[in-house]
């Protein structure tokens, strides 16, 4: 079972949209930590190795889980309501799903470079720079992605799904609720 973010557990799973926003804060925090560590390690020797490993693992888990929650639960529910506030809203969901794919690819390359770095104890500065660039690119992608979700998609979901969420949650608990035994 993946480690749940502090902000998510404080929500108590009472509000899935708050949980997703909490996941956003965790993703931002983890990326910031990884960028800082890689920038401090530009000579190719990793600094704060244990922190790097822990944060990389946490980022991978939360990003994967967050994508699953959106693509297997939130987005399909929004599409099924028939109240997606027009073609623009549907395109936004498609764009967000495409961004999930781009993020997944970047996470894969980050993981590959990080494993190489950790196994060898040192990498050429060019690879260290590539890792920093990938993490910075992910942070930029998530910044834009999160802005769209929190300013457009989540408020729309709150309006469209509020009456249906209670019934849906009793009928089919989300991945998060199942992980907590809910």
Foldseek 3Di string as FASTA:
>chain_A
DADQDPQLVVVVPPDVLSNLVSLLVLLLVLLVVLLVQLVVCLQFAGDPVVSNVVSLSNNVVSLVQSLCCCPVPVVVVCVVLVPLPDPVSVVLSVVLNVLSVVLVVLSVVLVVLSVVSVVVSGDHSVSSVVNSVSSVVSSVSSVVSVCCCVPPVSVSCCVRCVVPPVVVCVVDNTPVCVVVVD
